[in-house]
Amino acid sequence: MAEKQYTSFADFWPFYLREHSRPGTRALHYIGTSLVVALAIVALVTANWWLLAAMPVAGYFFAWIAHFAHEKNRPATFTYPLWSLGADFRMWWLWLTGRLGPELERAGVER
């Protein structure tokens, strides 16, 4: 069966959350995204622009470990790179602000 093709971020978002159904998977994403944000801030404050090169490594390292070793699925980044990046930051922000739970429930993710 062919994988569903998403044509809008609104349709992609619930799929993204379902692909991150395990709490451990989301936790590893939060670590990676937090490191990306920290690296960006430190790069801006110190003008050490080489830190920007470490951002994708920090983010993708934890995310891919989460998918391959923990969630056992293929990262959505491979098919939807920009939407996955946006969804990762959205998931991280909703988690930080305590508003992720209802989004997970709407997507059918059991907590």
C-alpha atoms as a PDB file:
ATOM      1  CA  MET A   1       0.000   0.000   0.000  1.00  0.00           C
ATOM      2  CA  ALA A   2       1.359   3.410  -0.948  1.00  0.00           C
ATOM      3  CA  GLU A   3       2.093   5.949   1.759  1.00  0.00           C
ATOM      4  CA  LYS A   4      -0.438   8.775   1.965  1.00  0.00           C
ATOM      5  CA  GLN A   5       0.746  12.013   0.387  1.00  0.00           C
ATOM      6  CA  TYR A   6       0.120  15.173   2.412  1.00  0.00           C
ATOM      7  CA  THR A   7      -0.629  18.399   0.593  1.00  0.00           C
ATOM      8  CA  SER A   8      -1.003  20.737   3.578  1.00  0.00           C
ATOM      9  CA  PHE A   9       0.733  21.209   6.884  1.00  0.00           C
ATOM     10  CA  ALA A  10      -2.648  20.944   8.654  1.00  0.00           C
ATOM     11  CA  ASP A  11      -3.084  17.423   7.270  1.00  0.00           C
ATOM     12  CA  PHE A  12       0.554  16.525   7.930  1.00  0.00           C
ATOM     13  CA  TRP A  13       0.529  17.629  11.596  1.00  0.00           C
ATOM     14  CA  PRO A  14      -1.571  14.722  13.006  1.00  0.00           C
ATOM     15  CA  PHE A  15       0.515  12.270  10.981  1.00  0.00           C
ATOM     16  CA  TYR A  16       3.675  13.818  12.444  1.00  0.00           C
ATOM     17  CA  LEU A  17       2.349  13.412  15.981  1.00  0.00           C
ATOM     18  CA  ARG A  18       1.407   9.783  15.338  1.00  0.00           C
ATOM     19  CA  GLU A  19       4.942   9.159  14.063  1.00  0.00           C
ATOM     20  CA  HIS A  20       6.106  10.435  17.481  1.00  0.00           C
ATOM     21  CA  SER A  21       3.695   8.390  19.551  1.00  0.00           C
ATOM     22  CA  ARG A  22       6.172   7.138  22.144  1.00  0.00           C
ATOM     23  CA  PRO A  23       7.068   9.538  24.966  1.00  0.00           C
ATOM     24  CA  GLY A  24      10.746   8.547  24.650  1.00  0.00           C
ATOM     25  CA  THR A  25      10.764   9.497  20.986  1.00  0.00           C
ATOM     26  CA  ARG A  26       9.346  12.914  21.791  1.00  0.00           C
ATOM     27  CA  ALA A  27      11.821  13.342  24.669  1.00  0.00           C
ATOM     28  CA  LEU A  28      14.789  12.727  22.372  1.00  0.00           C
ATOM     29  CA  HIS A  29      13.335  15.262  19.923  1.00  0.00           C
ATOM     30  CA  TYR A  30      12.996  17.791  22.745  1.00  0.00           C
ATOM     31  CA  ILE A  31      16.660  17.300  23.650  1.00  0.00           C
ATOM     32  CA  GLY A  32      17.774  17.798  20.058  1.00  0.00           C
ATOM     33  CA  THR A  33      15.544  20.818  19.449  1.00  0.00           C
ATOM     34  CA  SER A  34      16.605  22.408  22.744  1.00  0.00           C
ATOM     35  CA  LEU A  35      20.243  21.981  21.730  1.00  0.00           C
ATOM     36  CA  VAL A  36      19.515  23.573  18.349  1.00  0.00           C
ATOM     37  CA  VAL A  37      17.928  26.589  20.031  1.00  0.00           C
ATOM     38  CA  ALA A  38      20.775  26.828  22.550  1.00  0.00           C
ATOM     39  CA  LEU A  39      23.392  26.653  19.785  1.00  0.00           C
ATOM     40  CA  ALA A  40      21.607  29.401  17.834  1.00  0.00           C
ATOM     41  CA  ILE A  41      21.488  31.659  20.895  1.00  0.00           C
ATOM     42  CA  VAL A  42      25.139  31.065  21.777  1.00  0.00           C
ATOM     43  CA  ALA A  43      26.164  31.655  18.144  1.00  0.00           C
ATOM     44  CA  LEU A  44      24.295  34.965  18.113  1.00  0.00           C
ATOM     45  CA  VAL A  45      25.655  36.114  21.479  1.00  0.00           C
ATOM     46  CA  THR A  46      29.254  35.123  20.807  1.00  0.00           C
ATOM     47  CA  ALA A  47      29.304  35.691  17.027  1.00  0.00           C
ATOM     48  CA  ASN A  48      30.810  32.214  16.743  1.00  0.00           C
ATOM     49  CA  TRP A  49      29.130  31.332  13.478  1.00  0.00           C
ATOM     50  CA  TRP A  50      30.716  27.892  13.344  1.00  0.00           C
ATOM     51  CA  LEU A  51      28.173  26.835  15.960  1.00  0.00           C
ATOM     52  CA  LEU A  52      25.476  27.197  13.316  1.00  0.00           C
ATOM     53  CA  ALA A  53      27.007  24.246  11.484  1.00  0.00           C
ATOM     54  CA  ALA A  54      26.445  22.088  14.559  1.00  0.00           C
ATOM     55  CA  MET A  55      22.716  22.837  14.661  1.00  0.00           C
ATOM     56  CA  PRO A  56      21.564  20.225  12.115  1.00  0.00           C
ATOM     57  CA  VAL A  57      23.849  17.611  13.667  1.00  0.00           C
ATOM     58  CA  ALA A  58      22.447  18.257  17.151  1.00  0.00           C
ATOM     59  CA  GLY A  59      18.852  18.202  15.985  1.00  0.00           C
ATOM     60  CA  TYR A  60      18.975  15.263  13.621  1.00  0.00           C
ATOM     61  CA  PHE A  61      21.230  13.092  15.786  1.00  0.00           C
ATOM     62  CA  PHE A  62      18.680  12.810  18.584  1.00  0.00           C
ATOM     63  CA  ALA A  63      15.694  12.668  16.231  1.00  0.00           C
ATOM     64  CA  TRP A  64      17.093   9.875  14.102  1.00  0.00           C
ATOM     65  CA  ILE A  65      18.212   7.869  17.121  1.00  0.00           C
ATOM     66  CA  ALA A  66      14.648   8.217  18.398  1.00  0.00           C
ATOM     67  CA  HIS A  67      13.109   6.974  15.166  1.00  0.00           C
ATOM     68  CA  PHE A  68      15.461   4.145  14.307  1.00  0.00           C
ATOM     69  CA  ALA A  69      16.137   2.774  17.802  1.00  0.00           C
ATOM     70  CA  HIS A  70      13.045   3.715  19.770  1.00  0.00           C
ATOM     71  CA  GLU A  71      10.010   4.397  17.564  1.00  0.00           C
ATOM     72  CA  LYS A  72      11.164   1.940  14.860  1.00  0.00           C
ATOM     73  CA  ASN A  73       9.864   4.034  11.968  1.00  0.00           C
ATOM     74  CA  ARG A  74      11.256   6.140   9.151  1.00  0.00           C
ATOM     75  CA  PRO A  75      11.718   9.837   9.973  1.00  0.00           C
ATOM     76  CA  ALA A  76       9.176  12.033   8.195  1.00  0.00           C
ATOM     77  CA  THR A  77      12.102  14.345   7.412  1.00  0.00           C
ATOM     78  CA  PHE A  78      13.037  12.097   4.512  1.00  0.00           C
ATOM     79  CA  THR A  79       9.741  12.775   2.725  1.00  0.00           C
ATOM     80  CA  TYR A  80       8.636  16.135   4.167  1.00  0.00           C
ATOM     81  CA  PRO A  81      11.802  17.955   5.276  1.00  0.00           C
ATOM     82  CA  LEU A  82      10.402  21.471   5.757  1.00  0.00           C
ATOM     83  CA  TRP A  83       7.099  20.409   7.268  1.00  0.00           C
ATOM     84  CA  SER A  84       8.962  18.048   9.603  1.00  0.00           C
ATOM     85  CA  LEU A  85      11.236  20.844  10.739  1.00  0.00           C
ATOM     86  CA  GLY A  86       8.276  23.125  11.379  1.00  0.00           C
ATOM     87  CA  ALA A  87       6.343  20.348  13.114  1.00  0.00           C
ATOM     88  CA  ASP A  88       9.327  19.560  15.323  1.00  0.00           C
ATOM     89  CA  PHE A  89       9.519  23.143  16.539  1.00  0.00           C
ATOM     90  CA  ARG A  90       5.746  23.261  16.961  1.00  0.00           C
ATOM     91  CA  MET A  91       5.766  20.026  19.005  1.00  0.00           C
ATOM     92  CA  TRP A  92       8.667  21.331  21.115  1.00  0.00           C
ATOM     93  CA  TRP A  93       6.944  24.666  21.752  1.00  0.00           C
ATOM     94  CA  LEU A  94       3.624  23.042  22.641  1.00  0.00           C
ATOM     95  CA  TRP A  95       5.466  20.712  25.018  1.00  0.00           C
ATOM     96  CA  LEU A  96       7.331  23.631  26.623  1.00  0.00           C
ATOM     97  CA  THR A  97       4.110  25.555  27.117  1.00  0.00           C
ATOM     98  CA  GLY A  98       2.155  22.539  28.387  1.00  0.00           C
ATOM     99  CA  ARG A  99      -0.256  22.487  25.454  1.00  0.00           C
ATOM    100  CA  LEU A 100       0.828  19.340  23.597  1.00  0.00           C
ATOM    101  CA  GLY A 101      -1.588  16.912  25.293  1.00  0.00           C
ATOM    102  CA  PRO A 102      -4.751  17.996  23.468  1.00  0.00           C
ATOM    103  CA  GLU A 103      -2.899  17.931  20.136  1.00  0.00           C
ATOM    104  CA  LEU A 104      -1.764  14.354  20.785  1.00  0.00           C
ATOM    105  CA  GLU A 105      -5.315  13.348  21.707  1.00  0.00           C
ATOM    106  CA  ARG A 106      -6.756  14.907  18.532  1.00  0.00           C
ATOM    107  CA  ALA A 107      -4.166  12.987  16.493  1.00  0.00           C
ATOM    108  CA  GLY A 108      -5.158   9.727  18.194  1.00  0.00           C
ATOM    109  CA  VAL A 109      -1.953   9.310  20.199  1.00  0.00           C
ATOM    110  CA  GLU A 110      -2.492   7.569  23.525  1.00  0.00           C
ATOM    111  CA  ARG A 111      -0.539   9.109  26.367  1.00  0.00           C
END
